[in-house]
């Protein structure tokens, strides 16, 4: 049973990330509603796991981006728009900023694309 639900969770995570989150334009109100909906999807797997967000990581991380304030979103977009400069350890400022938010699976390019489609009006 565990393998079955993990496969369903992985497929749902990919489907939402690849189809919905890459093509949607969001207002602040739409972002709040989408985050509520995504959290409901994540919580629907709570019967099968005590930590469903670990199997639905991209959905969880997308919610973290959706919950950024307009100022935080603007700051992240400015950072993401700068050329990637590698530090001594090979990481980039963009990756570090995402990691500081707890975002490990979504790439800097995906984060930039997603944040750029969120409107501040």
Foldseek 3Di string as FASTA:
>chain_A
DLVVVLVVLLVVLCCCLVPPLLPDFAELVRLVVLLVVLVVVQVVCCVNDVHSCVSNVNSVLSNLLSPDDPVRLVVLLVLLPDDFDADPVRHGPNQVVSVVSVRDPQDSVSSNSSSVRYDHD
